[in-house]
Amino acid sequence: MAKKMTSSDASRIQSSQAKAGRDMSSNGFAARAQSSGAKNANNNGNKGGGKSSGGASTKGGTKSK
């Protein structure tokens, strides 16, 4: 069984693709990796090993409105 793409896997792919000057468009491999990582994180409650993206940090104080 193949290992599912995680958000951290997608991040690593995007970084290496950008540094190599590869296709960073919405049709490129990095974009497909990001999409796959996001879908897997959503489907698994982010148990796939990647860090969740977005959201405000609550460390060090309260969230302002």
PDB file of N, CA and C in Angstrom:
ATOM      1  N   MET A   1       0.842  -1.174   0.000  1.00  0.00           N
ATOM      2  CA  MET A   1       0.000   0.000   0.000  1.00  0.00           C
ATOM      3  C   MET A   1       0.892   1.244   0.000  1.00  0.00           C
ATOM      4  N   ALA A   2       0.571   2.184  -0.829  1.00  0.00           N
ATOM      5  CA  ALA A   2       1.360   3.403  -0.948  1.00  0.00           C
ATOM      6  C   ALA A   2       1.101   4.338   0.224  1.00  0.00           C
ATOM      7  N   LYS A   3       2.137   5.049   0.619  1.00  0.00           N
ATOM      8  CA  LYS A   3       2.010   6.029   1.697  1.00  0.00           C
ATOM      9  C   LYS A   3       1.307   7.277   1.169  1.00  0.00           C
ATOM     10  N   LYS A   4       0.384   7.810   1.953  1.00  0.00           N
ATOM     11  CA  LYS A   4      -0.355   8.996   1.527  1.00  0.00           C
ATOM     12  C   LYS A   4       0.483  10.253   1.725  1.00  0.00           C
ATOM     13  N   MET A   5       0.252  11.217   0.854  1.00  0.00           N
ATOM     14  CA  MET A   5       0.932  12.507   0.905  1.00  0.00           C
ATOM     15  C   MET A   5       0.479  13.288   2.130  1.00  0.00           C
ATOM     16  N   THR A   6       1.426  13.840   2.879  1.00  0.00           N
ATOM     17  CA  THR A   6       1.097  14.686   4.022  1.00  0.00           C
ATOM     18  C   THR A   6       1.374  16.143   3.660  1.00  0.00           C
ATOM     19  N   SER A   7       0.922  17.042   4.500  1.00  0.00           N
ATOM     20  CA  SER A   7       1.168  18.464   4.279  1.00  0.00           C
ATOM     21  C   SER A   7       2.660  18.771   4.305  1.00  0.00           C
ATOM     22  N   SER A   8       3.402  18.097   5.187  1.00  0.00           N
ATOM     23  CA  SER A   8       4.844  18.342   5.253  1.00  0.00           C
ATOM     24  C   SER A   8       5.546  17.792   4.017  1.00  0.00           C
ATOM     25  N   ASP A   9       5.053  16.680   3.463  1.00  0.00           N
ATOM     26  CA  ASP A   9       5.598  16.166   2.199  1.00  0.00           C
ATOM     27  C   ASP A   9       5.405  17.184   1.090  1.00  0.00           C
ATOM     28  N   ALA A  10       4.208  17.750   1.011  1.00  0.00           N
ATOM     29  CA  ALA A  10       3.888  18.728  -0.021  1.00  0.00           C
ATOM     30  C   ALA A  10       4.758  19.971   0.118  1.00  0.00           C
ATOM     31  N   SER A  11       4.986  20.398   1.343  1.00  0.00           N
ATOM     32  CA  SER A  11       5.827  21.567   1.589  1.00  0.00           C
ATOM     33  C   SER A  11       7.248  21.326   1.112  1.00  0.00           C
ATOM     34  N   ARG A  12       7.762  20.147   1.402  1.00  0.00           N
ATOM     35  CA  ARG A  12       9.110  19.775   0.973  1.00  0.00           C
ATOM     36  C   ARG A  12       9.217  19.759  -0.547  1.00  0.00           C
ATOM     37  N   ILE A  13       8.193  19.241  -1.216  1.00  0.00           N
ATOM     38  CA  ILE A  13       8.172  19.192  -2.680  1.00  0.00           C
ATOM     39  C   ILE A  13       8.119  20.601  -3.257  1.00  0.00           C
ATOM     40  N   GLN A  14       7.260  21.449  -2.703  1.00  0.00           N
ATOM     41  CA  GLN A  14       7.152  22.821  -3.203  1.00  0.00           C
ATOM     42  C   GLN A  14       8.470  23.559  -3.071  1.00  0.00           C
ATOM     43  N   SER A  15       9.139  23.393  -1.955  1.00  0.00           N
ATOM     44  CA  SER A  15      10.413  24.067  -1.729  1.00  0.00           C
ATOM     45  C   SER A  15      11.463  23.623  -2.737  1.00  0.00           C
ATOM     46  N   SER A  16      11.565  22.315  -2.938  1.00  0.00           N
ATOM     47  CA  SER A  16      12.579  21.813  -3.870  1.00  0.00           C
ATOM     48  C   SER A  16      12.262  22.202  -5.312  1.00  0.00           C
ATOM     49  N   GLN A  17      10.998  22.211  -5.667  1.00  0.00           N
ATOM     50  CA  GLN A  17      10.604  22.599  -7.026  1.00  0.00           C
ATOM     51  C   GLN A  17      10.910  24.078  -7.275  1.00  0.00           C
ATOM     52  N   ALA A  18      10.629  24.927  -6.282  1.00  0.00           N
ATOM     53  CA  ALA A  18      10.882  26.363  -6.426  1.00  0.00           C
ATOM     54  C   ALA A  18      12.373  26.654  -6.522  1.00  0.00           C
ATOM     55  N   LYS A  19      13.170  25.998  -5.688  1.00  0.00           N
ATOM     56  CA  LYS A  19      14.620  26.210  -5.709  1.00  0.00           C
ATOM     57  C   LYS A  19      15.232  25.768  -7.035  1.00  0.00           C
ATOM     58  N   ALA A  20      14.638  24.753  -7.654  1.00  0.00           N
ATOM     59  CA  ALA A  20      15.154  24.237  -8.922  1.00  0.00           C
ATOM     60  C   ALA A  20      14.613  25.007 -10.123  1.00  0.00           C
ATOM     61  N   GLY A  21      13.740  25.988  -9.875  1.00  0.00           N
ATOM     62  CA  GLY A  21      13.187  26.785 -10.963  1.00  0.00           C
ATOM     63  C   GLY A  21      12.154  26.041 -11.790  1.00  0.00           C
ATOM     64  N   ARG A  22      11.506  25.080 -11.195  1.00  0.00           N
ATOM     65  CA  ARG A  22      10.505  24.273 -11.898  1.00  0.00           C
ATOM     66  C   ARG A  22       9.161  24.973 -11.971  1.00  0.00           C
ATOM     67  N   ASP A  23       8.232  24.341 -12.638  1.00  0.00           N
ATOM     68  CA  ASP A  23       6.879  24.867 -12.837  1.00  0.00           C
ATOM     69  C   ASP A  23       6.163  25.026 -11.500  1.00  0.00           C
ATOM     70  N   MET A  24       5.838  26.274 -11.141  1.00  0.00           N
ATOM     71  CA  MET A  24       5.132  26.550  -9.895  1.00  0.00           C
ATOM     72  C   MET A  24       3.696  26.995 -10.167  1.00  0.00           C
ATOM     73  N   SER A  25       3.198  26.742 -11.363  1.00  0.00           N
ATOM     74  CA  SER A  25       1.831  27.129 -11.711  1.00  0.00           C
ATOM     75  C   SER A  25       0.819  26.204 -11.037  1.00  0.00           C
ATOM     76  N   SER A  26      -0.433  26.541 -11.203  1.00  0.00           N
ATOM     77  CA  SER A  26      -1.488  25.726 -10.603  1.00  0.00           C
ATOM     78  C   SER A  26      -1.608  24.362 -11.280  1.00  0.00           C
ATOM     79  N   ASN A  27      -0.934  24.173 -12.410  1.00  0.00           N
ATOM     80  CA  ASN A  27      -0.963  22.878 -13.099  1.00  0.00           C
ATOM     81  C   ASN A  27       0.278  22.036 -12.820  1.00  0.00           C
ATOM     82  N   GLY A  28       1.220  22.574 -12.052  1.00  0.00           N
ATOM     83  CA  GLY A  28       2.480  21.886 -11.801  1.00  0.00           C
ATOM     84  C   GLY A  28       2.376  20.802 -10.739  1.00  0.00           C
ATOM     85  N   PHE A  29       3.471  20.053 -10.618  1.00  0.00           N
ATOM     86  CA  PHE A  29       3.541  18.946  -9.669  1.00  0.00           C
ATOM     87  C   PHE A  29       3.401  19.436  -8.230  1.00  0.00           C
ATOM     88  N   ALA A  30       4.030  20.571  -7.916  1.00  0.00           N
ATOM     89  CA  ALA A  30       3.968  21.097  -6.549  1.00  0.00           C
ATOM     90  C   ALA A  30       2.530  21.417  -6.140  1.00  0.00           C
ATOM     91  N   ALA A  31       1.757  21.974  -7.065  1.00  0.00           N
ATOM     92  CA  ALA A  31       0.354  22.292  -6.769  1.00  0.00           C
ATOM     93  C   ALA A  31      -0.461  21.023  -6.566  1.00  0.00           C
ATOM     94  N   ARG A  32      -0.194  20.009  -7.359  1.00  0.00           N
ATOM     95  CA  ARG A  32      -0.914  18.735  -7.197  1.00  0.00           C
ATOM     96  C   ARG A  32      -0.542  18.077  -5.875  1.00  0.00           C
ATOM     97  N   ALA A  33       0.725  18.192  -5.487  1.00  0.00           N
ATOM     98  CA  ALA A  33       1.164  17.634  -4.205  1.00  0.00           C
ATOM     99  C   ALA A  33       0.472  18.351  -3.050  1.00  0.00           C
ATOM    100  N   GLN A  34       0.381  19.680  -3.134  1.00  0.00           N
ATOM    101  CA  GLN A  34      -0.281  20.453  -2.084  1.00  0.00           C
ATOM    102  C   GLN A  34      -1.748  20.050  -1.970  1.00  0.00           C
ATOM    103  N   SER A  35      -2.404  19.906  -3.102  1.00  0.00           N
ATOM    104  CA  SER A  35      -3.817  19.524  -3.112  1.00  0.00           C
ATOM    105  C   SER A  35      -4.007  18.150  -2.475  1.00  0.00           C
ATOM    106  N   SER A  36      -3.152  17.223  -2.845  1.00  0.00           N
ATOM    107  CA  SER A  36      -3.248  15.870  -2.300  1.00  0.00           C
ATOM    108  C   SER A  36      -2.985  15.858  -0.797  1.00  0.00           C
ATOM    109  N   GLY A  37      -1.979  16.600  -0.364  1.00  0.00           N
ATOM    110  CA  GLY A  37      -1.676  16.673   1.069  1.00  0.00           C
ATOM    111  C   GLY A  37      -2.816  17.274   1.861  1.00  0.00           C
ATOM    112  N   ALA A  38      -3.437  18.312   1.307  1.00  0.00           N
ATOM    113  CA  ALA A  38      -4.562  18.962   1.987  1.00  0.00           C
ATOM    114  C   ALA A  38      -5.760  18.021   2.080  1.00  0.00           C
ATOM    115  N   LYS A  39      -6.042  17.306   1.005  1.00  0.00           N
ATOM    116  CA  LYS A  39      -7.169  16.359   1.011  1.00  0.00           C
ATOM    117  C   LYS A  39      -6.937  15.258   2.032  1.00  0.00           C
ATOM    118  N   ASN A  40      -5.713  14.730   2.069  1.00  0.00           N
ATOM    119  CA  ASN A  40      -5.417  13.664   3.019  1.00  0.00           C
ATOM    120  C   ASN A  40      -5.473  14.165   4.453  1.00  0.00           C
ATOM    121  N   ALA A  41      -5.011  15.385   4.700  1.00  0.00           N
ATOM    122  CA  ALA A  41      -5.067  15.949   6.050  1.00  0.00           C
ATOM    123  C   ALA A  41      -6.517  16.132   6.481  1.00  0.00           C
ATOM    124  N   ASN A  42      -7.368  16.598   5.571  1.00  0.00           N
ATOM    125  CA  ASN A  42      -8.782  16.794   5.892  1.00  0.00           C
ATOM    126  C   ASN A  42      -9.496  15.473   6.117  1.00  0.00           C
ATOM    127  N   ASN A  43      -9.169  14.473   5.324  1.00  0.00           N
ATOM    128  CA  ASN A  43      -9.827  13.175   5.440  1.00  0.00           C
ATOM    129  C   ASN A  43      -9.394  12.409   6.681  1.00  0.00           C
ATOM    130  N   ASN A  44      -8.183  12.654   7.151  1.00  0.00           N
ATOM    131  CA  ASN A  44      -7.653  11.908   8.289  1.00  0.00           C
ATOM    132  C   ASN A  44      -7.610  12.719   9.567  1.00  0.00           C
ATOM    133  N   GLY A  45      -8.225  13.864   9.584  1.00  0.00           N
ATOM    134  CA  GLY A  45      -8.156  14.697  10.777  1.00  0.00           C
ATOM    135  C   GLY A  45      -6.738  15.138  11.063  1.00  0.00           C
ATOM    136  N   ASN A  46      -5.915  15.239  10.013  1.00  0.00           N
ATOM    137  CA  ASN A  46      -4.509  15.618  10.063  1.00  0.00           C
ATOM    138  C   ASN A  46      -3.686  14.651  10.899  1.00  0.00           C
ATOM    139  N   LYS A  47      -4.006  13.368  10.856  1.00  0.00           N
ATOM    140  CA  LYS A  47      -3.225  12.347  11.537  1.00  0.00           C
ATOM    141  C   LYS A  47      -2.086  11.843  10.654  1.00  0.00           C
ATOM    142  N   GLY A  48      -1.978  12.380   9.442  1.00  0.00           N
ATOM    143  CA  GLY A  48      -0.989  11.909   8.488  1.00  0.00           C
ATOM    144  C   GLY A  48       0.427  12.354   8.765  1.00  0.00           C
ATOM    145  N   GLY A  49       0.657  13.182   9.757  1.00  0.00           N
ATOM    146  CA  GLY A  49       2.003  13.558  10.121  1.00  0.00           C
ATOM    147  C   GLY A  49       2.366  14.979   9.760  1.00  0.00           C
ATOM    148  N   GLY A  50       1.584  15.622   8.927  1.00  0.00           N
ATOM    149  CA  GLY A  50       1.894  16.988   8.532  1.00  0.00           C
ATOM    150  C   GLY A  50       1.346  17.992   9.525  1.00  0.00           C
ATOM    151  N   LYS A  51       1.938  19.161   9.508  1.00  0.00           N
ATOM    152  CA  LYS A  51       1.427  20.233  10.354  1.00  0.00           C
ATOM    153  C   LYS A  51       0.179  20.804   9.710  1.00  0.00           C
ATOM    154  N   SER A  52      -0.778  21.190  10.533  1.00  0.00           N
ATOM    155  CA  SER A  52      -1.976  21.795   9.971  1.00  0.00           C
ATOM    156  C   SER A  52      -1.646  23.204   9.509  1.00  0.00           C
ATOM    157  N   SER A  53      -2.280  23.636   8.451  1.00  0.00           N
ATOM    158  CA  SER A  53      -2.017  24.974   7.942  1.00  0.00           C
ATOM    159  C   SER A  53      -3.129  25.914   8.353  1.00  0.00           C
ATOM    160  N   GLY A  54      -2.778  27.177   8.476  1.00  0.00           N
ATOM    161  CA  GLY A  54      -3.770  28.188   8.802  1.00  0.00           C
ATOM    162  C   GLY A  54      -4.101  28.222  10.275  1.00  0.00           C
ATOM    163  N   GLY A  55      -5.041  29.072  10.607  1.00  0.00           N
ATOM    164  CA  GLY A  55      -5.464  29.183  11.993  1.00  0.00           C
ATOM    165  C   GLY A  55      -4.599  30.151  12.760  1.00  0.00           C
ATOM    166  N   ALA A  56      -5.153  30.738  13.776  1.00  0.00           N
ATOM    167  CA  ALA A  56      -4.421  31.706  14.583  1.00  0.00           C
ATOM    168  C   ALA A  56      -3.814  31.016  15.790  1.00  0.00           C
ATOM    169  N   SER A  57      -2.646  31.434  16.144  1.00  0.00           N
ATOM    170  CA  SER A  57      -1.987  30.903  17.327  1.00  0.00           C
ATOM    171  C   SER A  57      -2.573  31.550  18.560  1.00  0.00           C
ATOM    172  N   THR A  58      -2.783  30.753  19.585  1.00  0.00           N
ATOM    173  CA  THR A  58      -3.311  31.300  20.836  1.00  0.00           C
ATOM    174  C   THR A  58      -2.223  31.386  21.890  1.00  0.00           C
ATOM    175  N   LYS A  59      -0.982  31.099  21.523  1.00  0.00           N
ATOM    176  CA  LYS A  59       0.126  31.164  22.472  1.00  0.00           C
ATOM    177  C   LYS A  59       0.445  32.622  22.779  1.00  0.00           C
ATOM    178  N   GLY A  60       0.648  32.922  24.035  1.00  0.00           N
ATOM    179  CA  GLY A  60       1.141  34.223  24.430  1.00  0.00           C
ATOM    180  C   GLY A  60       0.105  35.319  24.518  1.00  0.00           C
ATOM    181  N   GLY A  61      -1.145  34.995  24.562  1.00  0.00           N
ATOM    182  CA  GLY A  61      -2.133  36.057  24.706  1.00  0.00           C
ATOM    183  C   GLY A  61      -3.473  35.684  24.129  1.00  0.00           C
ATOM    184  N   THR A  62      -4.313  36.682  24.037  1.00  0.00           N
ATOM    185  CA  THR A  62      -5.649  36.452  23.510  1.00  0.00           C
ATOM    186  C   THR A  62      -5.732  36.918  22.075  1.00  0.00           C
ATOM    187  N   LYS A  63      -6.673  36.386  21.387  1.00  0.00           N
ATOM    188  CA  LYS A  63      -6.891  36.729  19.990  1.00  0.00           C
ATOM    189  C   LYS A  63      -7.722  38.007  19.909  1.00  0.00           C
ATOM    190  N   SER A  64      -7.224  38.992  19.200  1.00  0.00           N
ATOM    191  CA  SER A  64      -7.966  40.260  19.083  1.00  0.00           C
ATOM    192  C   SER A  64      -9.033  40.157  17.999  1.00  0.00           C
ATOM    193  N   LYS A  65     -10.102  40.926  18.167  1.00  0.00           N
ATOM    194  CA  LYS A  65     -11.213  40.897  17.203  1.00  0.00           C
ATOM    195  C   LYS A  65     -11.131  42.034  16.244  1.00  0.00           C
TER     196      LYS A  65
END
